[in-house]
Protein backbone atom coordinates (compact mmCIF):
# COMPACT_ATOMS: atom_id res chain seq x y z
CA UNK A 1 0.00 0.00 0.00
CA UNK A 2 2.85 2.37 0.85
CA UNK A 3 4.55 1.60 -2.48
CA UNK A 4 1.37 2.36 -4.45
CA UNK A 5 0.99 5.68 -2.61
CA UNK A 6 4.68 6.56 -3.16
CA UNK A 7 4.52 5.76 -6.89
CA UNK A 8 1.36 7.84 -7.38
CA UNK A 9 2.91 10.74 -5.47
CA UNK A 10 6.08 10.61 -7.60
CA UNK A 11 4.02 10.46 -10.83
CA UNK A 12 2.08 13.52 -9.70
CA UNK A 13 5.30 15.58 -9.76
CA UNK A 14 6.88 13.92 -12.82
CA UNK A 15 4.02 14.04 -15.34
CA UNK A 16 3.21 17.59 -16.39
CA UNK A 17 -0.25 18.57 -17.59
CA UNK A 18 -0.76 18.65 -21.37
CA UNK A 19 -2.72 21.90 -21.24
CA UNK A 20 0.19 23.97 -19.88
CA UNK A 21 0.97 27.31 -21.55
CA UNK A 22 4.35 28.95 -21.98
CA UNK A 23 4.87 31.31 -19.07
CA UNK A 24 6.61 33.99 -21.16
CA UNK A 25 3.45 34.64 -23.21
CA UNK A 26 1.39 35.35 -20.09
CA UNK A 27 3.98 37.20 -18.03
CA UNK A 28 3.49 40.92 -17.58
CA UNK A 29 6.45 43.27 -17.21
CA UNK A 30 5.53 46.42 -15.29
CA UNK A 31 7.21 49.67 -16.34
CA UNK A 32 6.68 53.01 -14.69
CA UNK A 33 7.70 55.92 -16.89
CA UNK A 34 8.09 59.26 -15.12
CA UNK A 35 7.53 62.23 -17.41
CA UNK A 36 8.46 65.69 -16.15
CA UNK A 37 6.82 68.49 -18.08
CA UNK A 38 5.26 71.86 -17.32
CA UNK A 39 6.59 71.75 -13.75
CA UNK A 40 4.74 68.49 -12.98
CA UNK A 41 5.77 64.85 -12.85
CA UNK A 42 3.38 62.31 -14.38
CA UNK A 43 3.61 58.53 -14.14
CA UNK A 44 2.69 56.39 -17.12
CA UNK A 45 2.32 52.72 -16.24
CA UNK A 46 2.70 49.90 -18.74
CA UNK A 47 2.08 46.19 -18.24
CA UNK A 48 3.21 44.06 -21.15
CA UNK A 49 4.96 40.91 -22.35
CA UNK A 50 7.54 43.07 -24.12
CA UNK A 51 10.22 45.42 -22.82
CA UNK A 52 10.15 49.20 -23.17
CA UNK A 53 13.77 50.24 -23.73
CA UNK A 54 13.17 53.99 -23.84
CA UNK A 55 10.50 56.64 -24.20
CA UNK A 56 10.21 60.23 -25.36
CA UNK A 57 7.58 62.87 -24.66
CA UNK A 58 7.19 65.93 -26.88
CA UNK A 59 4.76 68.47 -25.35
CA UNK A 60 4.69 70.65 -28.49
CA UNK A 61 3.43 67.76 -30.63
CA UNK A 62 1.45 66.22 -27.73
CA UNK A 63 3.24 62.95 -28.51
CA UNK A 64 4.46 60.05 -26.41
CA UNK A 65 6.87 57.64 -28.13
CA UNK A 66 7.56 54.18 -26.70
CA UNK A 67 10.56 52.23 -27.99
CA UNK A 68 9.67 48.55 -27.67
CA UNK A 69 11.84 45.43 -27.84
CA UNK A 70 10.05 42.09 -28.07
CA UNK A 71 11.21 38.51 -28.34
CA UNK A 72 7.69 37.16 -28.86
CA UNK A 73 5.60 37.14 -32.01
CA UNK A 74 2.30 38.00 -30.27
CA UNK A 75 2.63 41.15 -28.17
CA UNK A 76 0.12 42.19 -25.52
CA UNK A 77 0.27 45.31 -23.40
CA UNK A 78 -1.67 47.89 -21.44
CA UNK A 79 -0.78 51.56 -21.09
CA UNK A 80 -2.28 53.88 -18.45
CA UNK A 81 -1.92 57.58 -19.29
CA UNK A 82 -3.18 60.36 -16.97
CA UNK A 83 -5.76 62.55 -18.73
CA UNK A 84 -4.07 65.66 -17.35
CA UNK A 85 -0.85 64.80 -19.21
CA UNK A 86 -2.22 63.65 -22.55
CA UNK A 87 -5.85 63.24 -23.46
CA UNK A 88 -8.61 63.91 -25.92
CA UNK A 89 -8.82 61.94 -29.16
CA UNK A 90 -5.81 59.68 -29.58
CA UNK A 91 -4.02 58.74 -32.78
CA UNK A 92 -1.56 55.84 -32.79
CA UNK A 93 1.29 54.89 -35.09
CA UNK A 94 3.12 51.57 -34.80
CA UNK A 95 6.32 51.57 -36.84
CA UNK A 96 5.04 54.61 -38.76
CA UNK A 97 1.77 52.90 -39.77
CA UNK A 98 -1.54 53.93 -38.24
CA UNK A 99 -2.63 51.54 -35.52
CA UNK A 100 -6.02 51.14 -33.81
CA UNK A 101 -5.83 49.73 -30.26
CA UNK A 102 -8.69 49.43 -27.81
CA UNK A 103 -9.11 52.58 -25.64
CA UNK A 104 -11.12 53.03 -22.44
CA UNK A 105 -11.12 56.43 -20.72
CA UNK A 106 -12.59 58.13 -17.70
CA UNK A 107 -12.00 61.59 -16.22
CA UNK A 108 -8.63 60.55 -14.70
CA UNK A 109 -6.91 58.04 -17.03
CA UNK A 110 -6.87 56.56 -20.49
CA UNK A 111 -6.47 52.78 -20.51
CA UNK A 112 -5.04 51.56 -23.82
CA UNK A 113 -4.87 47.85 -24.72
CA UNK A 114 -2.19 46.95 -27.25
CA UNK A 115 -2.24 43.75 -29.29
CA UNK A 116 0.17 43.45 -32.21
CA UNK A 117 2.54 40.98 -33.86
CA UNK A 118 6.23 41.21 -34.62
CA UNK A 119 9.48 40.51 -32.84
CA UNK A 120 12.42 42.84 -32.46
CA UNK A 121 12.43 46.63 -32.27
CA UNK A 122 9.14 48.53 -32.59
CA UNK A 123 8.16 52.16 -32.10
CA UNK A 124 4.72 53.15 -30.81
CA UNK A 125 3.74 56.81 -31.09
CA UNK A 126 0.70 58.10 -29.18
CA UNK A 127 -0.65 61.52 -30.19
CA UNK A 128 -3.25 63.29 -28.05
CA UNK A 129 -5.33 66.41 -28.64
CA UNK A 130 -5.01 67.87 -25.11
CA UNK A 131 -1.94 68.49 -22.94
CA UNK A 132 -1.89 69.55 -19.25
CA UNK A 133 -5.68 69.61 -19.34
CA UNK A 134 -6.95 71.61 -16.34
CA UNK A 135 -3.42 72.44 -15.13
CA UNK A 136 -1.31 75.56 -15.43
CA UNK A 137 2.39 75.39 -16.18
CA UNK A 138 4.52 75.85 -13.07
CA UNK A 139 8.02 77.24 -12.87
CA UNK A 140 10.22 74.16 -13.29
CA UNK A 141 13.19 75.67 -11.43
CA UNK A 142 11.39 75.77 -8.09
CA UNK A 143 10.66 72.03 -8.19
CA UNK A 144 14.27 71.05 -8.96
CA UNK A 145 15.86 72.87 -5.99
CA UNK A 146 17.82 70.65 -3.59
CA UNK A 147 17.67 71.19 0.18
CA UNK A 148 20.96 72.33 1.75
CA UNK A 149 23.23 69.58 3.04
CA UNK A 150 24.11 69.69 6.76
CA UNK A 151 27.89 69.76 7.20
CA UNK A 152 28.20 70.64 10.90
CA UNK A 153 28.62 67.90 13.47
CA UNK A 154 25.77 67.86 15.97
CA UNK A 155 25.80 66.98 19.66
CA UNK A 156 24.16 63.60 19.03
CA UNK A 157 26.97 62.73 16.56
CA UNK A 158 29.60 63.54 19.22
CA UNK A 159 27.78 61.47 21.84
CA UNK A 160 27.65 58.55 19.42
CA UNK A 161 31.43 58.66 18.97
CA UNK A 162 32.02 58.86 22.74
CA UNK A 163 29.69 55.90 23.31
CA UNK A 164 31.51 53.85 20.67
CA UNK A 165 34.93 54.62 22.15
CA UNK A 166 33.61 53.80 25.65
CA UNK A 167 32.29 50.41 24.53
CA UNK A 168 35.61 49.59 22.86
CA UNK A 169 37.60 50.54 26.02
CA UNK A 170 35.36 48.40 28.25
CA UNK A 171 35.60 45.45 25.83
CA UNK A 172 39.41 45.76 25.71
CA UNK A 173 39.58 45.90 29.55
CA UNK A 174 37.40 42.77 29.89
CA UNK A 175 39.56 40.87 27.42
CA UNK A 176 42.72 41.92 29.29
CA UNK A 177 41.26 40.77 32.66
CA UNK A 178 40.23 37.39 31.18
CA UNK A 179 43.74 36.85 29.73
CA UNK A 180 45.42 37.66 33.09
CA UNK A 181 43.17 35.19 34.97
CA UNK A 182 44.14 32.38 32.59
CA UNK A 183 47.87 32.87 33.23
């Protein structure tokens, strides 16, 4: 009885199911692209089975370009774009040919579902009709200022050094006492 149970348990781990799917086709890589424009920072999130090597945002053309590298033939992806950054009616170009993905929008984001074929390097361009919708441009210099760095030693730093030296002196004294007792 134990042998029958052991054999069935081993076969459970050895025989793989026939309906298994390649993991790489279903895996989603998450990319967060931070775009700084007009004194604001916007996050564009992508979830896809391809890699986004680089991106470019041109506020004058209201264009977001994604440079894609894929090792799979069937590419799936989702792009979340804040409406305040880029919105309105979208136009898409994939490798300089017009492309028509599925788009869902609400007052905060546009959710774009990409589904295209082709391995290697691809370029997706997303053109919007609105830019910084409902926002005013801020002075970008104010946002990039760094706080001053503290260079003076404080009292708590000095106390830390004294405590460290004190611990080392006590440890050295205890070791010396132990060595003298052994002799």
